[in-house]
C-alpha cells in the first residue's frame, strides 16, 4: 500500500509543479495584453482552468498523500530534513495562494503587478522544488 501511495503522491506532485511553473509564465504574457481583448479572454480561461482543474486538486492530493506517507512510513516530524521539506511545501502552498490571488485579479481585469513580478515569482517554485528533492533523496541533516 505504501508504494502505491508514494506513486500516487509523485504523480500529484508532478501535476502540481507543472501548474506552479506554467501559471506564472502565462501571467507574464497576460500582464501585457489589453484588458477586454480576445487575448485577455483566452488567458483568463487558460489560467482559471489550470488553477481549478489541475493545480488545486493536484496540490491537495500531493499534500494529503504526503502527510499519509509520513504517517505510514513512520517518519518523525522532528527529523530536520523532513522539517525543511515541509517548510518548503508550505512555501509551495503559499506560492499557489499568491498565484490564485492573481488569477482572480486578472479575471476582474486588474493587474496587480508588472510583468517582471511574474518572471521572478516563476522561479520560486523551482527553488523550493530543488530543496524538497534534495531533502527527500539525500536526507541531509539526519
N, C-alpha and C. Protein backbone atom coordinates (compact mmCIF):
# COMPACT_ATOMS: atom_id res chain seq x y z
N UNK A 1 0.82 -1.19 0.00
CA UNK A 1 0.00 0.00 0.00
C UNK A 1 0.87 1.26 0.00
N UNK A 2 1.95 1.24 0.77
CA UNK A 2 2.83 2.40 0.89
C UNK A 2 3.40 2.80 -0.48
N UNK A 3 3.84 1.82 -1.26
CA UNK A 3 4.44 2.13 -2.56
C UNK A 3 3.40 2.68 -3.54
N UNK A 4 2.17 2.18 -3.48
CA UNK A 4 1.10 2.73 -4.32
C UNK A 4 0.79 4.17 -3.93
N UNK A 5 0.77 4.42 -2.64
CA UNK A 5 0.52 5.78 -2.16
C UNK A 5 1.66 6.71 -2.59
N UNK A 6 2.88 6.20 -2.52
CA UNK A 6 4.04 7.00 -2.94
C UNK A 6 3.96 7.32 -4.43
N UNK A 7 3.58 6.35 -5.25
CA UNK A 7 3.44 6.58 -6.69
C UNK A 7 2.35 7.63 -6.95
N UNK A 8 1.23 7.51 -6.26
CA UNK A 8 0.13 8.46 -6.39
C UNK A 8 0.59 9.86 -5.98
N UNK A 9 1.39 9.93 -4.91
CA UNK A 9 1.94 11.19 -4.43
C UNK A 9 2.85 11.83 -5.47
N UNK A 10 3.73 11.04 -6.07
CA UNK A 10 4.66 11.56 -7.07
C UNK A 10 3.90 12.10 -8.28
N UNK A 11 2.87 11.40 -8.73
CA UNK A 11 2.06 11.88 -9.85
C UNK A 11 1.39 13.21 -9.50
N UNK A 12 0.85 13.29 -8.29
CA UNK A 12 0.20 14.53 -7.85
C UNK A 12 1.20 15.68 -7.77
N UNK A 13 2.38 15.41 -7.25
CA UNK A 13 3.42 16.44 -7.14
C UNK A 13 3.84 16.92 -8.53
N UNK A 14 4.03 16.00 -9.45
CA UNK A 14 4.42 16.40 -10.81
C UNK A 14 3.34 17.28 -11.43
N UNK A 15 2.10 16.90 -11.27
CA UNK A 15 0.99 17.69 -11.83
C UNK A 15 0.92 19.07 -11.20
N UNK A 16 1.06 19.12 -9.89
CA UNK A 16 1.01 20.40 -9.18
C UNK A 16 2.17 21.30 -9.60
N UNK A 17 3.36 20.72 -9.65
CA UNK A 17 4.54 21.51 -10.03
C UNK A 17 4.42 22.02 -11.46
N UNK A 18 3.88 21.20 -12.35
CA UNK A 18 3.70 21.67 -13.73
C UNK A 18 2.86 22.94 -13.75
N UNK A 19 1.79 22.94 -12.97
CA UNK A 19 0.95 24.13 -12.89
C UNK A 19 1.65 25.30 -12.23
N UNK A 20 2.39 25.04 -11.15
CA UNK A 20 3.10 26.11 -10.45
C UNK A 20 4.19 26.73 -11.33
N UNK A 21 4.70 25.97 -12.27
CA UNK A 21 5.71 26.50 -13.17
C UNK A 21 5.10 27.17 -14.41
N UNK A 22 3.95 26.67 -14.85
CA UNK A 22 3.34 27.19 -16.08
C UNK A 22 2.46 28.42 -15.83
N UNK A 23 1.73 28.44 -14.73
CA UNK A 23 0.79 29.55 -14.49
C UNK A 23 1.49 30.91 -14.45
N UNK A 24 2.60 31.08 -13.75
CA UNK A 24 3.27 32.39 -13.78
C UNK A 24 3.76 32.76 -15.18
N UNK A 25 4.13 31.76 -15.97
CA UNK A 25 4.56 32.03 -17.34
C UNK A 25 3.38 32.57 -18.15
N UNK A 26 2.20 32.00 -17.96
CA UNK A 26 1.00 32.56 -18.61
C UNK A 26 0.79 34.01 -18.18
N UNK A 27 1.01 34.27 -16.90
CA UNK A 27 0.79 35.61 -16.37
C UNK A 27 1.80 36.63 -16.92
N UNK A 28 3.00 36.16 -17.23
CA UNK A 28 4.00 37.04 -17.85
C UNK A 28 3.41 37.62 -19.14
N UNK A 29 2.81 36.76 -19.93
CA UNK A 29 2.24 37.21 -21.20
C UNK A 29 0.90 37.90 -21.03
N UNK A 30 0.11 37.42 -20.06
CA UNK A 30 -1.20 38.02 -19.82
C UNK A 30 -1.08 39.46 -19.33
N UNK A 31 -0.06 39.74 -18.56
CA UNK A 31 0.08 41.05 -17.95
C UNK A 31 0.29 42.18 -18.95
N UNK A 32 0.63 41.84 -20.19
CA UNK A 32 0.91 42.89 -21.18
C UNK A 32 -0.16 43.00 -22.27
N UNK A 33 -1.22 42.20 -22.19
CA UNK A 33 -2.29 42.33 -23.19
C UNK A 33 -3.34 43.30 -22.68
N UNK A 34 -4.09 43.87 -23.58
CA UNK A 34 -5.13 44.83 -23.23
C UNK A 34 -6.29 44.13 -22.54
N UNK A 35 -6.76 44.74 -21.46
CA UNK A 35 -7.93 44.22 -20.75
C UNK A 35 -9.12 44.25 -21.70
N UNK A 36 -9.85 43.14 -21.73
CA UNK A 36 -11.02 43.05 -22.58
C UNK A 36 -10.75 42.56 -23.99
N UNK A 37 -9.48 42.38 -24.34
CA UNK A 37 -9.14 41.88 -25.68
C UNK A 37 -9.41 40.38 -25.77
N UNK A 38 -9.37 39.86 -26.99
CA UNK A 38 -9.54 38.42 -27.19
C UNK A 38 -8.44 37.64 -26.47
N UNK A 39 -7.23 38.18 -26.51
CA UNK A 39 -6.11 37.51 -25.82
C UNK A 39 -6.35 37.48 -24.31
N UNK A 40 -6.86 38.58 -23.77
CA UNK A 40 -7.18 38.64 -22.35
C UNK A 40 -8.18 37.55 -21.98
N UNK A 41 -9.22 37.40 -22.78
CA UNK A 41 -10.24 36.38 -22.51
C UNK A 41 -9.64 34.97 -22.58
N UNK A 42 -8.78 34.74 -23.54
CA UNK A 42 -8.14 33.43 -23.68
C UNK A 42 -7.26 33.12 -22.48
N UNK A 43 -6.45 34.09 -22.07
CA UNK A 43 -5.59 33.88 -20.90
C UNK A 43 -6.41 33.63 -19.64
N UNK A 44 -7.51 34.37 -19.47
CA UNK A 44 -8.36 34.17 -18.29
C UNK A 44 -8.89 32.74 -18.23
N UNK A 45 -9.34 32.21 -19.35
CA UNK A 45 -9.84 30.84 -19.39
C UNK A 45 -8.72 29.85 -19.10
N UNK A 46 -7.57 30.04 -19.73
CA UNK A 46 -6.44 29.13 -19.52
C UNK A 46 -6.00 29.13 -18.05
N UNK A 47 -5.88 30.30 -17.47
CA UNK A 47 -5.44 30.41 -16.07
C UNK A 47 -6.45 29.77 -15.12
N UNK A 48 -7.74 30.07 -15.34
CA UNK A 48 -8.78 29.52 -14.46
C UNK A 48 -8.81 28.00 -14.53
N UNK A 49 -8.76 27.46 -15.74
CA UNK A 49 -8.82 26.01 -15.88
C UNK A 49 -7.58 25.33 -15.30
N UNK A 50 -6.42 25.92 -15.53
CA UNK A 50 -5.19 25.36 -14.98
C UNK A 50 -5.25 25.34 -13.46
N UNK A 51 -5.68 26.45 -12.88
CA UNK A 51 -5.76 26.55 -11.43
C UNK A 51 -6.80 25.59 -10.84
N UNK A 52 -8.00 25.63 -11.38
CA UNK A 52 -9.11 24.89 -10.78
C UNK A 52 -9.18 23.41 -11.15
N UNK A 53 -8.78 23.08 -12.36
CA UNK A 53 -8.92 21.69 -12.81
C UNK A 53 -7.67 20.85 -12.59
N UNK A 54 -6.51 21.50 -12.50
CA UNK A 54 -5.28 20.73 -12.37
C UNK A 54 -4.54 21.06 -11.07
N UNK A 55 -4.17 22.32 -10.91
CA UNK A 55 -3.28 22.70 -9.79
C UNK A 55 -3.89 22.45 -8.42
N UNK A 56 -5.08 22.96 -8.20
CA UNK A 56 -5.66 22.85 -6.86
C UNK A 56 -5.94 21.39 -6.47
N UNK A 57 -6.60 20.60 -7.32
CA UNK A 57 -6.78 19.19 -6.94
C UNK A 57 -5.45 18.46 -6.75
N UNK A 58 -4.49 18.71 -7.65
CA UNK A 58 -3.19 18.03 -7.53
C UNK A 58 -2.46 18.46 -6.26
N UNK A 59 -2.54 19.75 -5.92
CA UNK A 59 -1.90 20.24 -4.70
C UNK A 59 -2.50 19.61 -3.46
N UNK A 60 -3.81 19.51 -3.43
CA UNK A 60 -4.48 18.89 -2.28
C UNK A 60 -4.07 17.43 -2.15
N UNK A 61 -4.10 16.70 -3.26
CA UNK A 61 -3.70 15.29 -3.24
C UNK A 61 -2.23 15.15 -2.83
N UNK A 62 -1.37 16.02 -3.35
CA UNK A 62 0.06 15.95 -3.01
C UNK A 62 0.28 16.14 -1.52
N UNK A 63 -0.37 17.15 -0.94
CA UNK A 63 -0.18 17.43 0.49
C UNK A 63 -0.76 16.30 1.34
N UNK A 64 -1.99 15.88 1.05
CA UNK A 64 -2.62 14.84 1.87
C UNK A 64 -1.91 13.50 1.74
N UNK A 65 -1.53 13.13 0.52
CA UNK A 65 -0.82 11.86 0.36
C UNK A 65 0.58 11.94 0.98
N UNK A 66 1.19 13.11 0.93
CA UNK A 66 2.49 13.28 1.58
C UNK A 66 2.40 13.11 3.09
N UNK A 67 1.36 13.69 3.69
CA UNK A 67 1.17 13.52 5.14
C UNK A 67 0.88 12.06 5.48
N UNK A 68 0.11 11.39 4.61
CA UNK A 68 -0.15 9.96 4.83
C UNK A 68 1.14 9.16 4.74
N UNK A 69 2.02 9.52 3.82
CA UNK A 69 3.31 8.82 3.69
C UNK A 69 4.17 9.02 4.94
N UNK A 70 4.13 10.23 5.49
CA UNK A 70 4.88 10.49 6.73
C UNK A 70 4.35 9.57 7.84
N UNK A 71 3.05 9.50 7.93
CA UNK A 71 2.44 8.66 8.97
C UNK A 71 2.73 7.18 8.75
N UNK A 72 2.44 6.68 7.55
CA UNK A 72 2.63 5.25 7.27
C UNK A 72 4.10 4.84 7.26
N UNK A 73 4.97 5.78 6.87
CA UNK A 73 6.40 5.47 6.81
C UNK A 73 7.10 5.58 8.15
N UNK A 74 6.38 6.07 9.14
CA UNK A 74 6.97 6.19 10.47
C UNK A 74 7.99 7.31 10.57
N UNK A 75 7.90 8.29 9.67
CA UNK A 75 8.83 9.41 9.72
C UNK A 75 8.50 10.29 10.91
N UNK A 76 9.51 10.93 11.42
CA UNK A 76 9.34 11.81 12.57
C UNK A 76 9.37 13.27 12.12
N UNK A 77 8.38 14.04 12.57
CA UNK A 77 8.37 15.46 12.25
C UNK A 77 9.57 16.17 12.88
N UNK A 78 10.28 15.49 13.78
CA UNK A 78 11.48 16.05 14.38
C UNK A 78 12.72 15.91 13.51
N UNK A 79 12.64 15.09 12.46
CA UNK A 79 13.77 14.95 11.54
C UNK A 79 13.98 16.28 10.81
N UNK A 80 15.19 16.79 10.84
CA UNK A 80 15.46 18.11 10.26
C UNK A 80 15.15 18.13 8.76
N UNK A 81 15.55 17.09 8.03
CA UNK A 81 15.30 17.06 6.59
C UNK A 81 13.80 17.15 6.31
N UNK A 82 12.99 16.47 7.13
CA UNK A 82 11.54 16.48 6.93
C UNK A 82 10.97 17.86 7.28
N UNK A 83 11.49 18.46 8.33
CA UNK A 83 11.02 19.80 8.71
C UNK A 83 11.34 20.81 7.60
N UNK A 84 12.53 20.71 7.02
CA UNK A 84 12.91 21.61 5.92
C UNK A 84 12.00 21.36 4.72
N UNK A 85 11.77 20.07 4.41
CA UNK A 85 10.89 19.74 3.29
C UNK A 85 9.50 20.31 3.52
N UNK A 86 8.94 20.11 4.70
CA UNK A 86 7.59 20.60 4.97
C UNK A 86 7.52 22.12 4.96
N UNK A 87 8.58 22.78 5.39
CA UNK A 87 8.64 24.24 5.30
C UNK A 87 8.59 24.67 3.83
N UNK A 88 9.31 23.96 2.98
CA UNK A 88 9.31 24.29 1.55
C UNK A 88 7.96 23.96 0.91
N UNK A 89 7.33 22.88 1.36
CA UNK A 89 5.98 22.56 0.86
C UNK A 89 5.02 23.68 1.26
N UNK A 90 5.17 24.20 2.47
CA UNK A 90 4.35 25.35 2.88
C UNK A 90 4.61 26.54 1.95
N UNK A 91 5.84 26.69 1.50
CA UNK A 91 6.17 27.74 0.53
C UNK A 91 5.48 27.51 -0.81
N UNK A 92 5.37 26.24 -1.22
CA UNK A 92 4.64 25.93 -2.45
C UNK A 92 3.16 26.26 -2.30
N UNK A 93 2.60 25.93 -1.14
CA UNK A 93 1.19 26.25 -0.87
C UNK A 93 1.00 27.77 -0.90
N UNK A 94 1.93 28.51 -0.30
CA UNK A 94 1.84 29.98 -0.31
C UNK A 94 1.96 30.52 -1.74
N UNK A 95 2.86 29.94 -2.53
CA UNK A 95 3.00 30.35 -3.93
C UNK A 95 1.70 30.10 -4.68
N UNK A 96 1.11 28.95 -4.44
CA UNK A 96 -0.18 28.60 -5.06
C UNK A 96 -1.23 29.65 -4.70
N UNK A 97 -1.28 30.03 -3.43
CA UNK A 97 -2.26 31.01 -2.97
C UNK A 97 -2.03 32.39 -3.62
N UNK A 98 -0.78 32.79 -3.71
CA UNK A 98 -0.45 34.07 -4.36
C UNK A 98 -0.89 34.03 -5.82
N UNK A 99 -0.59 32.95 -6.51
CA UNK A 99 -0.98 32.83 -7.91
C UNK A 99 -2.50 32.84 -8.05
N UNK A 100 -3.19 32.18 -7.14
CA UNK A 100 -4.65 32.18 -7.15
C UNK A 100 -5.18 33.60 -7.04
N UNK A 101 -4.59 34.37 -6.14
CA UNK A 101 -5.00 35.77 -5.97
C UNK A 101 -4.85 36.54 -7.27
N UNK A 102 -3.78 36.29 -8.00
CA UNK A 102 -3.54 36.99 -9.26
C UNK A 102 -4.48 36.50 -10.37
N UNK A 103 -4.80 35.21 -10.37
CA UNK A 103 -5.78 34.70 -11.34
C UNK A 103 -7.13 35.40 -11.13
N UNK A 104 -7.54 35.52 -9.87
CA UNK A 104 -8.81 36.20 -9.58
C UNK A 104 -8.76 37.67 -9.98
N UNK A 105 -7.62 38.30 -9.78
CA UNK A 105 -7.49 39.71 -10.17
C UNK A 105 -7.54 39.86 -11.69
N UNK A 106 -6.80 39.01 -12.41
CA UNK A 106 -6.84 39.05 -13.87
C UNK A 106 -8.27 38.86 -14.38
N UNK A 107 -9.02 37.97 -13.73
CA UNK A 107 -10.40 37.71 -14.14
C UNK A 107 -11.27 38.96 -14.02
N UNK A 108 -10.90 39.86 -13.11
CA UNK A 108 -11.64 41.11 -12.92
C UNK A 108 -11.05 42.26 -13.74
N UNK A 109 -10.02 41.95 -14.54
CA UNK A 109 -9.39 42.99 -15.35
C UNK A 109 -8.38 43.82 -14.59
N UNK A 110 -7.95 43.33 -13.44
CA UNK A 110 -7.00 44.06 -12.60
C UNK A 110 -5.61 43.44 -12.76
N UNK A 111 -4.62 44.29 -12.92
CA UNK A 111 -3.23 43.86 -13.00
C UNK A 111 -2.55 44.31 -11.70
N UNK A 112 -2.33 43.35 -10.81
CA UNK A 112 -1.75 43.69 -9.50
C UNK A 112 -0.27 44.00 -9.57
N UNK A 113 0.43 43.39 -10.51
CA UNK A 113 1.89 43.54 -10.60
C UNK A 113 2.33 43.67 -12.04
N UNK A 114 3.52 44.22 -12.25
CA UNK A 114 4.07 44.30 -13.62
C UNK A 114 4.61 42.94 -14.06
N UNK A 115 4.91 42.86 -15.33
CA UNK A 115 5.41 41.63 -15.93
C UNK A 115 6.63 41.07 -15.20
N UNK A 116 7.51 41.92 -14.74
CA UNK A 116 8.73 41.47 -14.06
C UNK A 116 8.42 40.64 -12.81
N UNK A 117 7.36 40.99 -12.10
CA UNK A 117 6.96 40.23 -10.91
C UNK A 117 6.70 38.77 -11.26
N UNK A 118 5.97 38.55 -12.36
CA UNK A 118 5.62 37.18 -12.75
C UNK A 118 6.85 36.42 -13.23
N UNK A 119 7.80 37.11 -13.80
CA UNK A 119 9.06 36.46 -14.20
C UNK A 119 9.83 35.99 -12.96
N UNK A 120 9.82 36.80 -11.92
CA UNK A 120 10.54 36.45 -10.69
C UNK A 120 9.81 35.36 -9.92
N UNK A 121 8.49 35.51 -9.75
CA UNK A 121 7.75 34.52 -8.96
C UNK A 121 7.74 33.17 -9.64
N UNK A 122 7.99 33.15 -10.93
CA UNK A 122 8.09 31.90 -11.68
C UNK A 122 9.24 31.04 -11.17
N UNK A 123 10.25 31.67 -10.58
CA UNK A 123 11.43 30.93 -10.10
C UNK A 123 11.25 30.37 -8.69
N UNK A 124 10.32 30.91 -7.93
CA UNK A 124 10.15 30.49 -6.54
C UNK A 124 9.82 29.00 -6.43
N UNK A 125 8.81 28.48 -7.15
CA UNK A 125 8.53 27.04 -7.04
C UNK A 125 9.71 26.17 -7.46
N UNK A 126 10.48 26.63 -8.43
CA UNK A 126 11.64 25.87 -8.88
C UNK A 126 12.66 25.72 -7.76
N UNK A 127 12.96 26.82 -7.09
CA UNK A 127 13.93 26.77 -5.99
C UNK A 127 13.43 25.88 -4.85
N UNK A 128 12.15 26.01 -4.51
CA UNK A 128 11.58 25.19 -3.45
C UNK A 128 11.61 23.71 -3.83
N UNK A 129 11.29 23.42 -5.10
CA UNK A 129 11.31 22.03 -5.58
C UNK A 129 12.71 21.43 -5.46
N UNK A 130 13.72 22.19 -5.80
CA UNK A 130 15.10 21.68 -5.71
C UNK A 130 15.43 21.31 -4.27
N UNK A 131 15.08 22.18 -3.34
CA UNK A 131 15.35 21.90 -1.92
C UNK A 131 14.57 20.67 -1.46
N UNK A 132 13.31 20.56 -1.88
CA UNK A 132 12.47 19.42 -1.49
C UNK A 132 13.07 18.11 -2.01
N UNK A 133 13.46 18.09 -3.27
CA UNK A 133 14.02 16.87 -3.85
C UNK A 133 15.31 16.48 -3.13
N UNK A 134 16.16 17.44 -2.84
CA UNK A 134 17.39 17.14 -2.10
C UNK A 134 17.06 16.58 -0.72
N UNK A 135 16.10 17.17 -0.04
CA UNK A 135 15.72 16.67 1.29
C UNK A 135 15.20 15.23 1.23
N UNK A 136 14.38 14.94 0.24
CA UNK A 136 13.79 13.61 0.14
C UNK A 136 14.81 12.55 -0.28
N UNK A 137 15.65 12.88 -1.23
CA UNK A 137 16.58 11.89 -1.78
C UNK A 137 17.83 11.75 -0.91
N UNK A 138 18.43 12.86 -0.51
CA UNK A 138 19.70 12.83 0.22
C UNK A 138 19.48 12.75 1.73
N UNK A 139 18.37 13.30 2.20
CA UNK A 139 18.06 13.40 3.63
C UNK A 139 19.22 14.02 4.42
N UNK A 140 19.60 15.23 4.02
CA UNK A 140 20.68 15.90 4.77
C UNK A 140 20.23 16.20 6.19
N UNK A 141 21.14 16.49 7.03
CA UNK A 141 20.87 16.85 8.43
C UNK A 141 20.36 15.66 9.25
N UNK A 142 20.45 14.43 8.71
CA UNK A 142 19.94 13.31 9.52
C UNK A 142 21.05 12.52 10.14
